[in-house]
């Protein structure tokens, strides 16, 4: 007899949400391009449920050329019109503009010798924060790291990166492990944080 895996209750029973919880959420991400993609996707989530983004993620990836900053940074008015006409994505002009300008900032940082990944991970001293909440209600309403990252991203010129979005991003990318104590992923994810030199 197979015993069902214990999970954080926020993922419910939707197979897409469950797979995301079981394989991605909270797993430390160190690739600079992948981190930028996740930041853009979290920005697209603003005002929406995350499951909406998961359902549209592959379409968003195709529409934004695999979230390659080199390509997205060069988008022109034709690309903007194409994106605004695409029913498979979130057609928000402000969010599309945020993705394009974010790609340009990402490239500027890289070209100036800054590693986007190391810079982001510096807000948690290069190591995932292990919170081990008893329930999801025990996740803090605010932390200094998440507020500092949101302010720093805004200071760089990134948009759709307020504290709530940034904390969701930190949870998704494993900078914070908020899997609840009795979730089968809590300890599994905790063992994945090799850290990054900052």
Protein backbone atom coordinates (compact mmCIF):
# COMPACT_ATOMS: atom_id res chain seq x y z
CA UNK A 1 0.00 0.00 0.00
CA UNK A 2 1.40 3.41 -1.00
CA UNK A 3 1.20 6.19 1.56
CA UNK A 4 0.30 9.55 0.05
CA UNK A 5 3.03 12.14 0.29
CA UNK A 6 2.54 14.83 2.92
CA UNK A 7 2.47 18.26 1.31
CA UNK A 8 2.02 21.90 2.12
CA UNK A 9 -1.73 22.50 1.90
CA UNK A 10 -1.44 25.53 -0.44
CA UNK A 11 -0.93 23.32 -3.51
CA UNK A 12 -4.27 21.56 -3.09
CA UNK A 13 -4.92 18.66 -5.46
CA UNK A 14 -4.48 20.23 -8.92
CA UNK A 15 -1.92 17.93 -10.62
CA UNK A 16 0.00 20.89 -12.07
CA UNK A 17 0.21 22.61 -8.69
CA UNK A 18 1.17 19.34 -6.94
CA UNK A 19 3.95 18.68 -9.47
CA UNK A 20 5.24 22.24 -9.03
CA UNK A 21 5.25 21.82 -5.24
CA UNK A 22 6.92 18.41 -5.41
CA UNK A 23 9.65 19.22 -7.94
CA UNK A 24 10.31 22.99 -8.09
CA UNK A 25 9.02 25.10 -5.23
CA UNK A 26 11.76 25.76 -2.71
CA UNK A 27 14.52 24.09 -4.74
CA UNK A 28 17.55 26.43 -4.75
CA UNK A 29 18.08 28.03 -8.15
CA UNK A 30 21.49 29.55 -8.96
CA UNK A 31 21.36 30.05 -12.72
CA UNK A 32 21.21 33.82 -13.44
CA UNK A 33 18.95 33.46 -16.50
CA UNK A 34 16.56 31.09 -14.75
CA UNK A 35 16.36 33.45 -11.78
CA UNK A 36 15.48 36.33 -14.09
CA UNK A 37 12.78 34.21 -15.75
CA UNK A 38 11.27 33.36 -12.38
CA UNK A 39 11.33 37.01 -11.35
CA UNK A 40 9.49 37.94 -14.56
CA UNK A 41 6.93 35.17 -14.03
CA UNK A 42 6.33 36.31 -10.46
CA UNK A 43 5.82 39.82 -11.83
CA UNK A 44 3.26 38.49 -14.29
CA UNK A 45 1.49 36.86 -11.34
CA UNK A 46 0.72 40.23 -9.69
CA UNK A 47 -3.03 40.30 -9.08
CA UNK A 48 -3.46 36.70 -10.27
CA UNK A 49 -3.23 33.20 -8.81
CA UNK A 50 0.07 31.36 -9.32
CA UNK A 51 -1.79 28.46 -10.94
CA UNK A 52 -2.69 30.87 -13.77
CA UNK A 53 1.01 31.44 -14.42
CA UNK A 54 1.78 27.72 -14.25
CA UNK A 55 -0.92 27.03 -16.82
CA UNK A 56 0.48 29.70 -19.14
CA UNK A 57 4.18 29.20 -18.40
CA UNK A 58 5.08 27.29 -21.57
CA UNK A 59 3.14 29.76 -23.71
CA UNK A 60 4.89 32.64 -21.94
CA UNK A 61 8.26 30.99 -22.54
CA UNK A 62 7.51 30.60 -26.23
CA UNK A 63 6.20 34.16 -26.55
CA UNK A 64 9.29 35.58 -24.80
CA UNK A 65 11.85 33.54 -26.76
CA UNK A 66 12.66 31.23 -23.86
CA UNK A 67 13.22 34.26 -21.62
CA UNK A 68 16.58 34.85 -23.23
CA UNK A 69 17.58 38.32 -21.96
CA UNK A 70 19.72 38.94 -25.06
CA UNK A 71 16.62 38.63 -27.27
CA UNK A 72 14.00 40.16 -24.97
CA UNK A 73 16.15 43.26 -24.35
CA UNK A 74 15.96 44.05 -28.08
CA UNK A 75 12.18 43.78 -28.39
CA UNK A 76 10.70 46.61 -30.42
CA UNK A 77 7.20 47.91 -31.06
CA UNK A 78 6.47 44.98 -33.38
CA UNK A 79 7.30 42.54 -30.58
CA UNK A 80 5.20 44.55 -28.13
CA UNK A 81 2.23 44.42 -30.51
CA UNK A 82 2.75 40.67 -31.04
CA UNK A 83 2.73 40.06 -27.29
CA UNK A 84 -0.34 42.24 -26.70
CA UNK A 85 -2.19 40.23 -29.36
CA UNK A 86 -1.22 36.82 -27.93
CA UNK A 87 -4.22 35.31 -26.08
CA UNK A 88 -2.00 32.64 -24.53
CA UNK A 89 -0.18 35.05 -22.23
CA UNK A 90 -1.11 37.72 -19.70
CA UNK A 91 -1.65 40.71 -21.95
CA UNK A 92 -0.66 43.50 -19.62
CA UNK A 93 1.29 46.27 -21.32
CA UNK A 94 2.93 47.24 -18.02
CA UNK A 95 4.07 43.67 -17.30
CA UNK A 96 5.38 43.22 -20.84
CA UNK A 97 7.33 46.49 -20.54
CA UNK A 98 8.67 45.33 -17.16
CA UNK A 99 9.98 42.12 -18.75
CA UNK A 100 11.71 44.03 -21.55
CA UNK A 101 13.28 46.63 -19.28
CA UNK A 102 14.23 43.88 -16.82
CA UNK A 103 16.13 42.07 -19.58
CA UNK A 104 18.00 45.29 -20.36
CA UNK A 105 18.92 45.75 -16.68
CA UNK A 106 20.01 42.09 -16.44
CA UNK A 107 22.30 42.60 -19.46
CA UNK A 108 23.70 45.85 -18.04
CA UNK A 109 24.55 44.08 -14.79
CA UNK A 110 26.23 41.22 -16.63
CA UNK A 111 28.15 43.57 -18.91
CA UNK A 112 29.36 45.48 -15.84
CA UNK A 113 30.72 42.27 -14.31
CA UNK A 114 27.86 41.67 -11.86
CA UNK A 115 26.45 38.18 -11.54
CA UNK A 116 22.66 38.44 -11.14
CA UNK A 117 22.55 35.19 -9.17
CA UNK A 118 25.31 36.12 -6.72
CA UNK A 119 23.74 39.55 -6.24
CA UNK A 120 20.31 38.09 -5.40
CA UNK A 121 21.71 35.37 -3.17
CA UNK A 122 23.73 37.96 -1.25
CA UNK A 123 20.47 39.04 0.42
CA UNK A 124 20.40 35.67 2.22
CA UNK A 125 24.18 35.45 2.68
CA UNK A 126 24.44 32.89 -0.11
CA UNK A 127 22.51 30.18 1.77
CA UNK A 128 18.83 29.21 1.82
CA UNK A 129 16.99 30.37 4.93
CA UNK A 130 15.36 27.38 6.63
CA UNK A 131 12.17 28.58 8.35
CA UNK A 132 10.49 25.22 9.11
CA UNK A 133 7.06 26.72 9.86
CA UNK A 134 4.57 24.51 11.71
CA UNK A 135 1.80 25.73 9.40
CA UNK A 136 1.74 28.11 6.45
CA UNK A 137 0.09 30.66 8.77
CA UNK A 138 3.41 30.73 10.67
CA UNK A 139 5.32 32.10 7.67
CA UNK A 140 6.41 35.62 8.66
CA UNK A 141 4.51 38.57 7.24
CA UNK A 142 7.78 40.32 6.47
CA UNK A 143 11.52 39.73 6.81
CA UNK A 144 14.47 42.13 6.49
CA UNK A 145 15.95 40.09 3.59
CA UNK A 146 12.82 40.22 1.51
CA UNK A 147 12.25 43.94 2.09
CA UNK A 148 15.91 44.69 1.29
CA UNK A 149 15.79 42.68 -1.95
CA UNK A 150 12.55 44.39 -3.07
CA UNK A 151 14.07 47.83 -2.44
CA UNK A 152 17.30 46.92 -4.21
CA UNK A 153 15.48 45.55 -7.26
CA UNK A 154 13.38 48.72 -7.49
CA UNK A 155 16.51 50.86 -7.11
CA UNK A 156 18.01 48.99 -10.07
CA UNK A 157 14.93 49.81 -12.13
CA UNK A 158 13.09 46.49 -12.02
CA UNK A 159 9.28 46.69 -11.89
CA UNK A 160 6.64 44.41 -10.42
CA UNK A 161 9.00 43.50 -7.59
CA UNK A 162 7.26 44.70 -4.45
CA UNK A 163 7.81 42.83 -1.16
CA UNK A 164 4.99 40.31 -1.68
CA UNK A 165 6.15 39.39 -5.19
CA UNK A 166 9.77 39.23 -4.04
CA UNK A 167 8.96 36.91 -1.17
CA UNK A 168 7.05 34.57 -3.50
CA UNK A 169 10.12 34.66 -5.75
CA UNK A 170 12.43 33.85 -2.83
CA UNK A 171 10.22 30.92 -1.83
CA UNK A 172 10.02 29.62 -5.39
CA UNK A 173 13.79 29.82 -5.95
CA UNK A 174 14.75 28.21 -2.66
CA UNK A 175 16.28 31.31 -1.09
CA UNK A 176 13.74 30.61 1.64
CA UNK A 177 12.54 27.10 2.45
CA UNK A 178 8.97 27.60 3.65
CA UNK A 179 7.83 24.00 3.29
CA UNK A 180 5.96 23.25 6.50
CA UNK A 181 7.53 20.87 9.02
CA UNK A 182 5.32 17.89 8.24
CA UNK A 183 5.67 18.29 4.46
CA UNK A 184 7.72 15.50 2.89
CA UNK A 185 9.66 18.14 0.90
CA UNK A 186 10.77 20.17 3.93
CA UNK A 187 13.88 18.16 4.75
CA UNK A 188 14.46 17.07 1.15
CA UNK A 189 14.70 20.66 -0.03
CA UNK A 190 16.79 21.67 3.00
CA UNK A 191 19.47 19.24 1.85
CA UNK A 192 19.74 20.87 -1.59
CA UNK A 193 21.12 24.25 -0.51
CA UNK A 194 24.78 24.07 -1.48
CA UNK A 195 25.04 27.83 -1.31
CA UNK A 196 26.73 30.34 -3.56
CA UNK A 197 29.79 32.42 -2.90
CA UNK A 198 28.90 36.05 -2.25
